Amino acid sequence: MVKFAANLTMMFKEVEFLDRIDRAAACGFEAVEFLFPYDYPAAEIKSRLDRHGLTLALFNMFAGDWAGGERGFAARPGKRAEFRASVEQALEYARALGCARLHTMSGVTAQEPDRAACEAAWVENLAWAADRAAEAGVTLLIEPLNTRDMPGYFVSRQDETLALIDRVGRANVKLQFDVYHAQIMDGDITRRIERLAGRYAHVQIASVPDRHEPDEGELAYDHVFAAFDRVGYDGWIGCEYNPRGATEAGLGWFAAHRPERAR
């Protein structure tokens, strides 16, 4: 049975970040995810999670000047030091928070003069980071992002990303399969879920094309969820969508998936 993690960067924005943990638990979620924890002491986040028995499914490594357009360092040849620092910081938080999945952002590379140099830097950086992460029992995740929302990002398609992951050659580097991005760039979602089973270690969802709750748009998400069940995916599905209004008001789709103990 599919299981869902509330994305606290996008959901429950009616309240402050730490209070979103409480809101997610009250709505019946058993796990949460978010982009960045680094503005808060890990102990404060852990205390909130433990209060409700919540799992932290995923968070991102530091990605640089977000407001200025930076989206990570892994594929940027001149940012090796920044990348390694972001890995060490993220692993420190992962250990403290008991989180076994880290999204490793590749970076915007549209202005880099040499694509081959970006690929070489990415492979070298991920191999080094994967070895460091393995010591902590952490899996690194790579997410292709669609070119409409994130123009110039280093990876945008599932198969090209998997080819790069294969070059890294580390068992703890996996695909982060965001159905929203994959539908925009690749399509054929059901067959892709089937064909790539075992290659992805985290899934995210949102409606297409508007990135709202998964009860609208061009994808039949009940069918998508059944496909993940059918291939035996037992990881978390992150709800990385922008609610149409108040978060709780849009959770009708989640009622059928709430864990028994939360009903």
Protein backbone atom coordinates (compact mmCIF):
# COMPACT_ATOMS: atom_id res chain seq x y z
CA MET A 1 0.00 0.00 0.00
CA VAL A 2 1.38 3.40 -0.98
CA LYS A 3 2.37 5.70 1.87
CA PHE A 4 2.69 9.47 1.79
CA ALA A 5 4.99 12.12 3.22
CA ALA A 6 3.81 15.72 3.50
CA ASN A 7 6.19 18.19 1.89
CA LEU A 8 6.49 20.95 4.49
CA THR A 9 8.13 23.45 2.15
CA MET A 10 5.00 23.55 0.01
CA MET A 11 2.20 22.37 2.30
CA PHE A 12 0.85 23.94 5.52
CA LYS A 13 2.39 27.31 4.69
CA GLU A 14 -0.39 28.90 6.73
CA VAL A 15 1.88 28.39 9.78
CA GLU A 16 5.58 28.65 10.59
CA PHE A 17 7.88 25.84 9.50
CA LEU A 18 8.20 23.90 12.76
CA ASP A 19 4.46 24.11 13.35
CA ARG A 20 3.90 22.44 9.98
CA ILE A 21 5.22 19.22 11.52
CA ASP A 22 2.35 19.32 14.02
CA ARG A 23 -0.17 20.04 11.28
CA ALA A 24 1.02 17.15 9.13
CA ALA A 25 0.73 14.74 12.04
CA ALA A 26 -2.76 15.99 12.89
CA CYS A 27 -3.84 15.28 9.30
CA GLY A 28 -2.66 11.67 9.51
CA PHE A 29 0.67 11.78 7.72
CA GLU A 30 3.29 9.40 9.11
CA ALA A 31 6.23 11.08 7.38
CA VAL A 32 7.36 14.49 6.18
CA GLU A 33 9.93 15.89 3.80
CA PHE A 34 11.17 19.40 3.05
CA LEU A 35 13.81 21.24 1.06
CA PHE A 36 16.20 22.70 3.63
CA PRO A 37 16.46 22.34 7.42
CA TYR A 38 19.52 24.54 7.90
CA ASP A 39 17.80 27.59 9.40
CA TYR A 40 16.84 25.48 12.44
CA PRO A 41 18.87 23.47 14.94
CA ALA A 42 18.54 19.77 14.18
CA ALA A 43 17.54 19.14 17.82
CA GLU A 44 14.45 21.37 17.45
CA ILE A 45 13.30 19.57 14.33
CA LYS A 46 13.99 16.16 15.87
CA SER A 47 11.99 17.04 18.97
CA ARG A 48 8.94 17.90 16.86
CA LEU A 49 9.27 14.75 14.78
CA ASP A 50 9.64 12.56 17.86
CA ARG A 51 6.64 14.18 19.54
CA HIS A 52 4.44 12.71 16.81
CA GLY A 53 6.44 9.62 15.88
CA LEU A 54 7.03 10.99 12.38
CA THR A 55 9.63 9.76 9.91
CA LEU A 56 11.75 12.29 8.05
CA ALA A 57 11.74 10.83 4.54
CA LEU A 58 13.96 13.31 2.70
CA PHE A 59 15.60 16.70 2.62
CA ASN A 60 17.98 18.54 0.28
CA MET A 61 21.61 19.37 0.56
CA PHE A 62 22.32 23.10 0.77
CA ALA A 63 21.95 24.48 -2.76
CA GLY A 64 23.63 27.89 -2.57
CA ASP A 65 22.03 31.29 -3.17
CA TRP A 66 18.46 30.12 -3.86
CA ALA A 67 17.05 33.63 -4.31
CA GLY A 68 19.88 34.37 -6.73
CA GLY A 69 19.12 31.31 -8.83
CA GLU A 70 21.59 28.74 -7.55
CA ARG A 71 20.29 25.18 -7.44
CA GLY A 72 23.19 23.15 -6.13
CA PHE A 73 26.81 22.50 -7.01
CA ALA A 74 27.36 18.88 -8.07
CA ALA A 75 27.75 19.54 -11.82
CA ARG A 76 29.53 22.88 -11.53
CA PRO A 77 33.27 22.37 -12.07
CA GLY A 78 34.27 25.50 -10.15
CA LYS A 79 32.21 24.65 -7.06
CA ARG A 80 33.92 21.53 -5.73
CA ALA A 81 34.65 23.04 -2.30
CA GLU A 82 31.09 24.29 -1.90
CA PHE A 83 29.75 20.89 -2.91
CA ARG A 84 31.87 19.01 -0.40
CA ALA A 85 30.91 21.42 2.36
CA SER A 86 27.23 20.91 1.53
CA VAL A 87 27.66 17.14 1.73
CA GLU A 88 29.26 17.29 5.17
CA GLN A 89 26.59 19.68 6.46
CA ALA A 90 23.76 17.54 5.12
CA LEU A 91 25.20 14.34 6.56
CA GLU A 92 25.51 15.99 9.96
CA TYR A 93 21.80 16.86 9.84
CA ALA A 94 20.88 13.44 8.45
CA ARG A 95 22.57 11.69 11.35
CA ALA A 96 20.90 13.94 13.90
CA LEU A 97 17.46 13.60 12.29
CA GLY A 98 17.61 9.92 11.44
CA CYS A 99 17.08 10.62 7.74
CA ALA A 100 18.32 8.00 5.26
CA ARG A 101 17.65 9.91 1.99
CA LEU A 102 19.32 13.10 0.77
CA HIS A 103 18.46 14.92 -2.46
CA THR A 104 21.70 16.04 -4.08
CA MET A 105 21.01 19.04 -6.31
CA SER A 106 23.06 19.11 -9.50
CA GLY A 107 22.96 22.80 -10.32
CA VAL A 108 22.06 25.14 -13.15
CA THR A 109 24.73 24.67 -15.81
CA ALA A 110 23.25 26.42 -18.85
CA GLN A 111 26.00 29.05 -18.75
CA GLU A 112 28.85 26.59 -18.27
CA PRO A 113 30.98 26.47 -21.45
CA ASP A 114 31.75 22.74 -21.42
CA ARG A 115 29.02 20.12 -20.86
CA ALA A 116 31.61 17.33 -20.75
CA ALA A 117 33.41 19.10 -17.90
CA CYS A 118 30.11 19.38 -16.02
CA GLU A 119 29.46 15.67 -16.45
CA ALA A 120 32.96 14.79 -15.29
CA ALA A 121 32.62 17.02 -12.23
CA TRP A 122 29.20 15.54 -11.44
CA VAL A 123 30.43 11.94 -11.64
CA GLU A 124 33.51 12.69 -9.53
CA ASN A 125 31.51 14.64 -6.94
CA LEU A 126 28.78 12.02 -6.64
CA ALA A 127 31.28 9.19 -6.24
CA TRP A 128 33.01 11.06 -3.42
CA ALA A 129 29.72 12.02 -1.78
CA ALA A 130 28.29 8.50 -2.08
CA ASP A 131 31.31 7.06 -0.28
CA ARG A 132 30.89 9.59 2.53
CA ALA A 133 27.14 8.95 2.68
CA ALA A 134 27.59 5.17 2.79
CA GLU A 135 29.46 5.53 6.06
CA ALA A 136 26.29 7.08 7.52
CA GLY A 137 23.90 4.60 5.89
CA VAL A 138 22.50 7.33 3.63
CA THR A 139 21.31 7.05 0.03
CA LEU A 140 21.85 10.00 -2.31
CA LEU A 141 19.01 10.87 -4.68
CA ILE A 142 19.21 12.59 -8.05
CA GLU A 143 16.10 14.31 -9.39
CA PRO A 144 15.63 15.42 -13.00
CA LEU A 145 13.77 18.75 -13.06
CA ASN A 146 11.63 19.91 -15.96
CA THR A 147 12.97 22.66 -18.20
CA ARG A 148 9.82 24.77 -17.87
CA ASP A 149 10.11 25.26 -14.12
CA MET A 150 13.89 24.98 -13.93
CA PRO A 151 15.51 26.10 -17.19
CA GLY A 152 19.18 25.27 -17.49
CA TYR A 153 19.21 22.60 -14.78
CA PHE A 154 21.85 19.92 -15.35
CA VAL A 155 19.48 16.94 -15.60
CA SER A 156 15.91 17.01 -16.89
CA ARG A 157 15.11 13.49 -18.16
CA GLN A 158 14.90 10.16 -16.40
CA ASP A 159 17.01 8.05 -18.75
CA GLU A 160 19.86 10.55 -19.10
CA THR A 161 20.00 10.82 -15.32
CA LEU A 162 20.15 7.05 -14.91
CA ALA A 163 22.99 6.88 -17.44
CA LEU A 164 24.96 9.33 -15.31
CA ILE A 165 24.14 7.41 -12.13
CA ASP A 166 25.50 4.28 -13.82
CA ARG A 167 28.78 6.11 -14.44
CA VAL A 168 29.09 6.87 -10.73
CA GLY A 169 28.91 3.16 -9.95
CA ARG A 170 27.72 3.41 -6.36
CA ALA A 171 24.81 1.37 -5.00
CA ASN A 172 23.65 4.22 -2.75
CA VAL A 173 23.02 6.68 -5.60
CA LYS A 174 19.45 6.35 -6.84
CA LEU A 175 16.85 8.19 -8.88
CA GLN A 176 14.34 10.51 -7.24
CA PHE A 177 11.27 9.90 -9.41
CA ASP A 178 9.10 13.01 -9.37
CA VAL A 179 6.01 12.11 -11.40
CA TYR A 180 5.20 15.77 -12.06
CA HIS A 181 8.59 16.46 -13.68
CA ALA A 182 8.63 13.10 -15.45
CA GLN A 183 5.22 13.64 -17.04
CA ILE A 184 6.23 17.04 -18.40
CA MET A 185 9.56 15.84 -19.83
CA ASP A 186 9.13 12.14 -20.56
CA GLY A 187 5.52 10.94 -20.26
CA ASP A 188 4.58 7.24 -20.49
CA ILE A 189 4.37 7.23 -16.69
CA THR A 190 2.94 3.74 -16.13
CA ARG A 191 5.51 1.97 -18.28
CA ARG A 192 8.26 4.14 -16.80
CA ILE A 193 7.21 3.15 -13.27
CA GLU A 194 7.41 -0.48 -14.35
CA ARG A 195 10.65 -0.25 -16.33
CA LEU A 196 12.56 1.74 -13.74
CA ALA A 197 11.38 -0.20 -10.69
CA GLY A 198 14.33 -0.70 -8.39
CA ARG A 199 16.18 2.34 -9.76
CA TYR A 200 14.21 4.97 -7.81
CA ALA A 201 14.35 5.23 -4.03
CA HIS A 202 11.93 8.11 -3.50
CA VAL A 203 8.84 9.32 -5.36
CA GLN A 204 7.13 12.71 -5.45
CA ILE A 205 3.78 13.77 -6.90
CA ALA A 206 1.73 16.77 -7.97
CA SER A 207 -0.94 17.43 -10.55
CA VAL A 208 0.09 18.25 -14.09
CA PRO A 209 0.27 20.91 -15.41
CA ASP A 210 -0.55 23.17 -12.44
CA ARG A 211 1.31 21.40 -9.59
CA HIS A 212 -1.65 21.24 -7.22
CA GLU A 213 -3.28 18.35 -5.35
CA PRO A 214 -3.22 15.00 -7.20
CA ASP A 215 -6.99 15.02 -7.74
CA GLU A 216 -6.92 17.21 -10.86
CA GLY A 217 -5.06 17.57 -14.11
CA GLU A 218 -3.99 15.17 -16.83
CA LEU A 219 -2.82 12.23 -14.70
CA ALA A 220 -5.12 9.64 -13.13
CA TYR A 221 -3.28 9.32 -9.85
CA ASP A 222 -5.27 6.36 -8.55
CA HIS A 223 -3.87 4.48 -11.55
CA VAL A 224 -0.37 5.81 -10.84
CA PHE A 225 -0.54 4.74 -7.18
CA ALA A 226 -1.73 1.29 -8.23
CA ALA A 227 1.24 1.01 -10.58
CA PHE A 228 3.69 1.76 -7.75
CA ASP A 229 1.93 -0.85 -5.63
CA ARG A 230 2.08 -3.37 -8.45
CA VAL A 231 5.85 -3.10 -8.87
CA GLY A 232 6.39 -3.41 -5.13
CA TYR A 233 7.59 0.11 -4.39
CA ASP A 234 7.56 0.40 -0.60
CA GLY A 235 9.19 3.81 -0.12
CA TRP A 236 7.55 7.13 0.65
CA ILE A 237 5.64 9.23 -1.86
CA GLY A 238 6.29 12.89 -1.18
CA CYS A 239 3.40 15.31 -1.70
CA GLU A 240 5.41 18.11 -3.30
CA TYR A 241 2.53 20.25 -4.53
CA ASN A 242 1.19 23.76 -4.08
CA PRO A 243 -2.22 23.53 -2.40
CA ARG A 244 -5.01 25.32 -4.24
CA GLY A 245 -6.05 26.98 -0.98
CA ALA A 246 -5.74 26.05 2.67
CA THR A 247 -3.78 22.81 2.88
CA GLU A 248 -6.31 20.89 4.98
CA ALA A 249 -9.15 21.87 2.66
CA GLY A 250 -7.42 20.11 -0.23
CA LEU A 251 -6.74 16.79 1.50
CA GLY A 252 -9.90 15.03 0.36
CA TRP A 253 -7.78 12.91 -2.00
CA PHE A 254 -5.74 11.69 0.99
CA ALA A 255 -8.73 10.35 2.98
CA ALA A 256 -8.62 6.93 1.31
CA HIS A 257 -4.89 6.65 2.00
CA ARG A 258 -4.75 7.74 5.64
CA PRO A 259 -3.23 5.05 7.86
CA GLU A 260 -5.81 3.15 9.90
CA ARG A 261 -4.52 4.51 13.18
CA ALA A 262 -5.05 8.07 11.94
CA ARG A 263 -8.67 7.62 10.84
